[in-house]
Amino acid sequence: WYEAGTDVSFTGSSGNTIYAALGMQGEGISKNGIAKSVDGGLNWNMLPLPAGTDPRAYSVYADPGNANRVL
């Protein structure tokens, strides 16, 4: 699935949790925001963004001590 990934961050005890920033401009783009995989990238889910947030994400940082915390 290609929607212009711009950055990734790995976390979790085995590094299998991955966050990907997706930010592409244009009509028909459906995957802007932050995606999360907990199985090393085999499956992905889009994370909900806070209200008023620009959905085009250009960078992502995962807390190495908490795999559920991302900036």
PDB file of N, CA and C in Angstrom:
ATOM      1  N   TRP A   1       0.876  -1.159   0.000  1.00  0.00           N
ATOM      2  CA  TRP A   1       0.000   0.000   0.000  1.00  0.00           C
ATOM      3  C   TRP A   1       0.908   1.201   0.000  1.00  0.00           C
ATOM      4  N   TYR A   2       0.730   2.095  -0.924  1.00  0.00           N
ATOM      5  CA  TYR A   2       1.607   3.255  -1.065  1.00  0.00           C
ATOM      6  C   TYR A   2       0.799   4.524  -0.907  1.00  0.00           C
ATOM      7  N   GLU A   3       1.116   5.264   0.088  1.00  0.00           N
ATOM      8  CA  GLU A   3       0.481   6.562   0.305  1.00  0.00           C
ATOM      9  C   GLU A   3       1.531   7.550   0.789  1.00  0.00           C
ATOM     10  N   ALA A   4       2.732   7.476   0.253  1.00  0.00           N
ATOM     11  CA  ALA A   4       3.813   8.414   0.519  1.00  0.00           C
ATOM     12  C   ALA A   4       4.259   8.411   1.968  1.00  0.00           C
ATOM     13  N   GLY A   5       4.804   7.296   2.428  1.00  0.00           N
ATOM     14  CA  GLY A   5       5.404   7.239   3.752  1.00  0.00           C
ATOM     15  C   GLY A   5       6.581   8.185   3.818  1.00  0.00           C
ATOM     16  N   THR A   6       6.636   8.993   4.865  1.00  0.00           N
ATOM     17  CA  THR A   6       7.686   9.996   4.967  1.00  0.00           C
ATOM     18  C   THR A   6       8.667   9.722   6.095  1.00  0.00           C
ATOM     19  N   ASP A   7       8.297   8.860   7.052  1.00  0.00           N
ATOM     20  CA  ASP A   7       9.171   8.588   8.187  1.00  0.00           C
ATOM     21  C   ASP A   7       8.668   7.332   8.887  1.00  0.00           C
ATOM     22  N   VAL A   8       9.559   6.612   9.568  1.00  0.00           N
ATOM     23  CA  VAL A   8       9.167   5.462  10.375  1.00  0.00           C
ATOM     24  C   VAL A   8       9.900   5.513  11.703  1.00  0.00           C
ATOM     25  N   SER A   9       9.319   4.845  12.697  1.00  0.00           N
ATOM     26  CA  SER A   9       9.938   4.745  14.009  1.00  0.00           C
ATOM     27  C   SER A   9       9.627   3.356  14.566  1.00  0.00           C
ATOM     28  N   PHE A  10      10.652   2.679  15.067  1.00  0.00           N
ATOM     29  CA  PHE A  10      10.513   1.330  15.613  1.00  0.00           C
ATOM     30  C   PHE A  10      10.570   1.394  17.132  1.00  0.00           C
ATOM     31  N   THR A  11       9.780   0.541  17.793  1.00  0.00           N
ATOM     32  CA  THR A  11       9.776   0.497  19.250  1.00  0.00           C
ATOM     33  C   THR A  11       9.313  -0.888  19.697  1.00  0.00           C
ATOM     34  N   GLY A  12       9.177  -1.079  20.983  1.00  0.00           N
ATOM     35  CA  GLY A  12       8.774  -2.367  21.535  1.00  0.00           C
ATOM     36  C   GLY A  12       9.986  -3.198  21.892  1.00  0.00           C
ATOM     37  N   SER A  13       9.795  -4.190  22.717  1.00  0.00           N
ATOM     38  CA  SER A  13      10.916  -4.994  23.202  1.00  0.00           C
ATOM     39  C   SER A  13      11.652  -5.719  22.083  1.00  0.00           C
ATOM     40  N   SER A  14      10.967  -6.101  21.015  1.00  0.00           N
ATOM     41  CA  SER A  14      11.624  -6.782  19.904  1.00  0.00           C
ATOM     42  C   SER A  14      11.696  -5.920  18.649  1.00  0.00           C
ATOM     43  N   GLY A  15      11.246  -4.670  18.745  1.00  0.00           N
ATOM     44  CA  GLY A  15      11.261  -3.779  17.590  1.00  0.00           C
ATOM     45  C   GLY A  15      10.183  -4.078  16.573  1.00  0.00           C
ATOM     46  N   ASN A  16       9.213  -4.919  16.934  1.00  0.00           N
ATOM     47  CA  ASN A  16       8.154  -5.284  15.997  1.00  0.00           C
ATOM     48  C   ASN A  16       7.040  -4.253  15.894  1.00  0.00           C
ATOM     49  N   THR A  17       7.014  -3.278  16.794  1.00  0.00           N
ATOM     50  CA  THR A  17       6.019  -2.213  16.689  1.00  0.00           C
ATOM     51  C   THR A  17       6.623  -1.106  15.838  1.00  0.00           C
ATOM     52  N   ILE A  18       5.922  -0.759  14.774  1.00  0.00           N
ATOM     53  CA  ILE A  18       6.416   0.244  13.827  1.00  0.00           C
ATOM     54  C   ILE A  18       5.329   1.299  13.642  1.00  0.00           C
ATOM     55  N   TYR A  19       5.745   2.549  13.673  1.00  0.00           N
ATOM     56  CA  TYR A  19       4.857   3.663  13.336  1.00  0.00           C
ATOM     57  C   TYR A  19       5.356   4.262  12.027  1.00  0.00           C
ATOM     58  N   ALA A  20       4.441   4.576  11.127  1.00  0.00           N
ATOM     59  CA  ALA A  20       4.800   5.191   9.855  1.00  0.00           C
ATOM     60  C   ALA A  20       4.014   6.480   9.678  1.00  0.00           C
ATOM     61  N   ALA A  21       4.721   7.544   9.330  1.00  0.00           N
ATOM     62  CA  ALA A  21       4.078   8.818   9.005  1.00  0.00           C
ATOM     63  C   ALA A  21       3.721   8.786   7.528  1.00  0.00           C
ATOM     64  N   LEU A  22       2.466   9.104   7.225  1.00  0.00           N
ATOM     65  CA  LEU A  22       1.983   9.116   5.849  1.00  0.00           C
ATOM     66  C   LEU A  22       1.471  10.512   5.543  1.00  0.00           C
ATOM     67  N   GLY A  23       2.061  11.158   4.563  1.00  0.00           N
ATOM     68  CA  GLY A  23       1.642  12.514   4.257  1.00  0.00           C
ATOM     69  C   GLY A  23       1.801  12.844   2.797  1.00  0.00           C
ATOM     70  N   MET A  24       0.714  12.759   2.058  1.00  0.00           N
ATOM     71  CA  MET A  24       0.752  13.038   0.629  1.00  0.00           C
ATOM     72  C   MET A  24      -0.376  13.995   0.291  1.00  0.00           C
ATOM     73  N   GLN A  25      -0.089  14.978  -0.515  1.00  0.00           N
ATOM     74  CA  GLN A  25      -1.105  15.943  -0.918  1.00  0.00           C
ATOM     75  C   GLN A  25      -1.753  15.491  -2.217  1.00  0.00           C
ATOM     76  N   GLY A  26      -3.015  15.826  -2.393  1.00  0.00           N
ATOM     77  CA  GLY A  26      -3.700  15.530  -3.642  1.00  0.00           C
ATOM     78  C   GLY A  26      -5.084  14.965  -3.404  1.00  0.00           C
ATOM     79  N   GLU A  27      -5.860  14.956  -4.463  1.00  0.00           N
ATOM     80  CA  GLU A  27      -7.222  14.435  -4.369  1.00  0.00           C
ATOM     81  C   GLU A  27      -7.210  12.915  -4.326  1.00  0.00           C
ATOM     82  N   GLY A  28      -8.136  12.358  -3.577  1.00  0.00           N
ATOM     83  CA  GLY A  28      -8.277  10.908  -3.531  1.00  0.00           C
ATOM     84  C   GLY A  28      -7.282  10.211  -2.623  1.00  0.00           C
ATOM     85  N   ILE A  29      -6.486  10.958  -1.886  1.00  0.00           N
ATOM     86  CA  ILE A  29      -5.529  10.339  -0.982  1.00  0.00           C
ATOM     87  C   ILE A  29      -6.266   9.908   0.274  1.00  0.00           C
ATOM     88  N   SER A  30      -6.209   8.636   0.591  1.00  0.00           N
ATOM     89  CA  SER A  30      -6.996   8.123   1.708  1.00  0.00           C
ATOM     90  C   SER A  30      -6.166   7.770   2.938  1.00  0.00           C
ATOM     91  N   LYS A  31      -4.874   7.727   2.816  1.00  0.00           N
ATOM     92  CA  LYS A  31      -4.054   7.283   3.928  1.00  0.00           C
ATOM     93  C   LYS A  31      -3.075   8.367   4.374  1.00  0.00           C
ATOM     94  N   ASN A  32      -3.589   9.443   4.922  1.00  0.00           N
ATOM     95  CA  ASN A  32      -2.756  10.471   5.530  1.00  0.00           C
ATOM     96  C   ASN A  32      -2.870  10.317   7.034  1.00  0.00           C
ATOM     97  N   GLY A  33      -1.781  10.478   7.747  1.00  0.00           N
ATOM     98  CA  GLY A  33      -1.783  10.374   9.203  1.00  0.00           C
ATOM     99  C   GLY A  33      -0.697   9.446   9.700  1.00  0.00           C
ATOM    100  N   ILE A  34      -0.979   8.732  10.782  1.00  0.00           N
ATOM    101  CA  ILE A  34      -0.010   7.814  11.380  1.00  0.00           C
ATOM    102  C   ILE A  34      -0.579   6.400  11.335  1.00  0.00           C
ATOM    103  N   ALA A  35       0.196   5.474  10.798  1.00  0.00           N
ATOM    104  CA  ALA A  35      -0.186   4.064  10.763  1.00  0.00           C
ATOM    105  C   ALA A  35       0.682   3.305  11.758  1.00  0.00           C
ATOM    106  N   LYS A  36       0.123   2.232  12.325  1.00  0.00           N
ATOM    107  CA  LYS A  36       0.842   1.434  13.324  1.00  0.00           C
ATOM    108  C   LYS A  36       0.766  -0.045  12.955  1.00  0.00           C
ATOM    109  N   SER A  37       1.905  -0.716  13.080  1.00  0.00           N
ATOM    110  CA  SER A  37       1.971  -2.157  12.910  1.00  0.00           C
ATOM    111  C   SER A  37       2.562  -2.753  14.177  1.00  0.00           C
ATOM    112  N   VAL A  38       1.976  -3.833  14.670  1.00  0.00           N
ATOM    113  CA  VAL A  38       2.516  -4.509  15.858  1.00  0.00           C
ATOM    114  C   VAL A  38       3.113  -5.859  15.509  1.00  0.00           C
ATOM    115  N   ASP A  39       3.187  -6.157  14.205  1.00  0.00           N
ATOM    116  CA  ASP A  39       3.721  -7.446  13.777  1.00  0.00           C
ATOM    117  C   ASP A  39       4.838  -7.292  12.744  1.00  0.00           C
ATOM    118  N   GLY A  40       5.658  -6.286  12.944  1.00  0.00           N
ATOM    119  CA  GLY A  40       6.815  -6.093  12.071  1.00  0.00           C
ATOM    120  C   GLY A  40       6.487  -5.599  10.680  1.00  0.00           C
ATOM    121  N   GLY A  41       5.303  -5.047  10.474  1.00  0.00           N
ATOM    122  CA  GLY A  41       4.942  -4.470   9.194  1.00  0.00           C
ATOM    123  C   GLY A  41       4.045  -5.331   8.327  1.00  0.00           C
ATOM    124  N   LEU A  42       3.625  -6.491   8.824  1.00  0.00           N
ATOM    125  CA  LEU A  42       2.731  -7.339   8.032  1.00  0.00           C
ATOM    126  C   LEU A  42       1.332  -6.751   7.921  1.00  0.00           C
ATOM    127  N   ASN A  43       0.829  -6.173   9.000  1.00  0.00           N
ATOM    128  CA  ASN A  43      -0.506  -5.572   9.029  1.00  0.00           C
ATOM    129  C   ASN A  43      -0.413  -4.168   9.609  1.00  0.00           C
ATOM    130  N   TRP A  44      -1.257  -3.287   9.103  1.00  0.00           N
ATOM    131  CA  TRP A  44      -1.229  -1.887   9.514  1.00  0.00           C
ATOM    132  C   TRP A  44      -2.624  -1.400   9.868  1.00  0.00           C
ATOM    133  N   ASN A  45      -2.690  -0.479  10.842  1.00  0.00           N
ATOM    134  CA  ASN A  45      -3.930   0.202  11.205  1.00  0.00           C
ATOM    135  C   ASN A  45      -3.651   1.696  11.298  1.00  0.00           C
ATOM    136  N   MET A  46      -4.595   2.487  10.799  1.00  0.00           N
ATOM    137  CA  MET A  46      -4.473   3.933  10.924  1.00  0.00           C
ATOM    138  C   MET A  46      -4.882   4.339  12.333  1.00  0.00           C
ATOM    139  N   LEU A  47      -4.142   5.262  12.938  1.00  0.00           N
ATOM    140  CA  LEU A  47      -4.462   5.756  14.267  1.00  0.00           C
ATOM    141  C   LEU A  47      -5.360   6.985  14.154  1.00  0.00           C
ATOM    142  N   PRO A  48      -6.290   7.149  15.080  1.00  0.00           N
ATOM    143  CA  PRO A  48      -7.114   8.361  15.069  1.00  0.00           C
ATOM    144  C   PRO A  48      -6.259   9.572  15.439  1.00  0.00           C
ATOM    145  N   LEU A  49      -6.536  10.680  14.796  1.00  0.00           N
ATOM    146  CA  LEU A  49      -5.803  11.911  15.080  1.00  0.00           C
ATOM    147  C   LEU A  49      -6.680  12.845  15.909  1.00  0.00           C
ATOM    148  N   PRO A  50      -6.064  13.641  16.769  1.00  0.00           N
ATOM    149  CA  PRO A  50      -6.848  14.623  17.534  1.00  0.00           C
ATOM    150  C   PRO A  50      -7.562  15.595  16.592  1.00  0.00           C
ATOM    151  N   ALA A  51      -8.714  16.077  17.017  1.00  0.00           N
ATOM    152  CA  ALA A  51      -9.480  17.032  16.215  1.00  0.00           C
ATOM    153  C   ALA A  51      -8.623  18.249  15.880  1.00  0.00           C
ATOM    154  N   GLY A  52      -8.721  18.721  14.662  1.00  0.00           N
ATOM    155  CA  GLY A  52      -7.996  19.908  14.235  1.00  0.00           C
ATOM    156  C   GLY A  52      -6.569  19.634  13.785  1.00  0.00           C
ATOM    157  N   THR A  53      -6.147  18.387  13.795  1.00  0.00           N
ATOM    158  CA  THR A  53      -4.789  18.020  13.395  1.00  0.00           C
ATOM    159  C   THR A  53      -4.712  17.896  11.877  1.00  0.00           C
ATOM    160  N   ASP A  54      -3.660  18.434  11.273  1.00  0.00           N
ATOM    161  CA  ASP A  54      -3.424  18.251   9.844  1.00  0.00           C
ATOM    162  C   ASP A  54      -3.124  16.772   9.624  1.00  0.00           C
ATOM    163  N   PRO A  55      -3.897  16.073   8.799  1.00  0.00           N
ATOM    164  CA  PRO A  55      -3.689  14.636   8.637  1.00  0.00           C
ATOM    165  C   PRO A  55      -2.423  14.266   7.885  1.00  0.00           C
ATOM    166  N   ARG A  56      -1.779  15.224   7.234  1.00  0.00           N
ATOM    167  CA  ARG A  56      -0.544  14.903   6.523  1.00  0.00           C
ATOM    168  C   ARG A  56       0.596  14.876   7.523  1.00  0.00           C
ATOM    169  N   ALA A  57       1.065  13.697   7.850  1.00  0.00           N
ATOM    170  CA  ALA A  57       2.141  13.538   8.824  1.00  0.00           C
ATOM    171  C   ALA A  57       3.474  13.446   8.088  1.00  0.00           C
ATOM    172  N   TYR A  58       4.457  14.170   8.579  1.00  0.00           N
ATOM    173  CA  TYR A  58       5.754  14.183   7.916  1.00  0.00           C
ATOM    174  C   TYR A  58       6.868  13.593   8.759  1.00  0.00           C
ATOM    175  N   SER A  59       6.612  13.396  10.042  1.00  0.00           N
ATOM    176  CA  SER A  59       7.602  12.741  10.895  1.00  0.00           C
ATOM    177  C   SER A  59       6.860  12.050  12.032  1.00  0.00           C
ATOM    178  N   VAL A  60       7.535  11.075  12.631  1.00  0.00           N
ATOM    179  CA  VAL A  60       6.939  10.314  13.720  1.00  0.00           C
ATOM    180  C   VAL A  60       8.050   9.890  14.673  1.00  0.00           C
ATOM    181  N   TYR A  61       7.752   9.907  15.967  1.00  0.00           N
ATOM    182  CA  TYR A  61       8.704   9.483  16.982  1.00  0.00           C
ATOM    183  C   TYR A  61       7.980   8.575  17.962  1.00  0.00           C
ATOM    184  N   ALA A  62       8.460   7.360  18.142  1.00  0.00           N
ATOM    185  CA  ALA A  62       7.874   6.423  19.099  1.00  0.00           C
ATOM    186  C   ALA A  62       8.727   6.410  20.362  1.00  0.00           C
ATOM    187  N   ASP A  63       8.069   6.478  21.495  1.00  0.00           N
ATOM    188  CA  ASP A  63       8.738   6.434  22.793  1.00  0.00           C
ATOM    189  C   ASP A  63       9.343   5.041  22.984  1.00  0.00           C
ATOM    190  N   PRO A  64      10.667   4.913  23.141  1.00  0.00           N
ATOM    191  CA  PRO A  64      11.288   3.594  23.286  1.00  0.00           C
ATOM    192  C   PRO A  64      10.876   2.877  24.569  1.00  0.00           C
ATOM    193  N   GLY A  65      10.382   3.594  25.553  1.00  0.00           N
ATOM    194  CA  GLY A  65       9.961   2.982  26.809  1.00  0.00           C
ATOM    195  C   GLY A  65       8.482   2.644  26.867  1.00  0.00           C
ATOM    196  N   ASN A  66       7.713   3.101  25.871  1.00  0.00           N
ATOM    197  CA  ASN A  66       6.271   2.863  25.853  1.00  0.00           C
ATOM    198  C   ASN A  66       5.824   2.738  24.402  1.00  0.00           C
ATOM    199  N   ALA A  67       5.613   1.512  23.943  1.00  0.00           N
ATOM    200  CA  ALA A  67       5.278   1.269  22.534  1.00  0.00           C
ATOM    201  C   ALA A  67       3.930   1.847  22.130  1.00  0.00           C
ATOM    202  N   ASN A  68       3.130   2.292  23.094  1.00  0.00           N
ATOM    203  CA  ASN A  68       1.829   2.892  22.783  1.00  0.00           C
ATOM    204  C   ASN A  68       1.855   4.404  22.773  1.00  0.00           C
ATOM    205  N   ARG A  69       3.028   4.998  22.916  1.00  0.00           N
ATOM    206  CA  ARG A  69       3.142   6.463  22.923  1.00  0.00           C
ATOM    207  C   ARG A  69       3.910   6.901  21.670  1.00  0.00           C
ATOM    208  N   VAL A  70       3.280   7.793  20.922  1.00  0.00           N
ATOM    209  CA  VAL A  70       3.893   8.277  19.690  1.00  0.00           C
ATOM    210  C   VAL A  70       3.641   9.775  19.567  1.00  0.00           C
ATOM    211  N   LEU A  71       4.617  10.479  19.013  1.00  0.00           N
ATOM    212  CA  LEU A  71       4.502  11.921  18.780  1.00  0.00           C
ATOM    213  C   LEU A  71       4.597  12.177  17.287  1.00  0.00           C
TER     214      LEU A  71
END
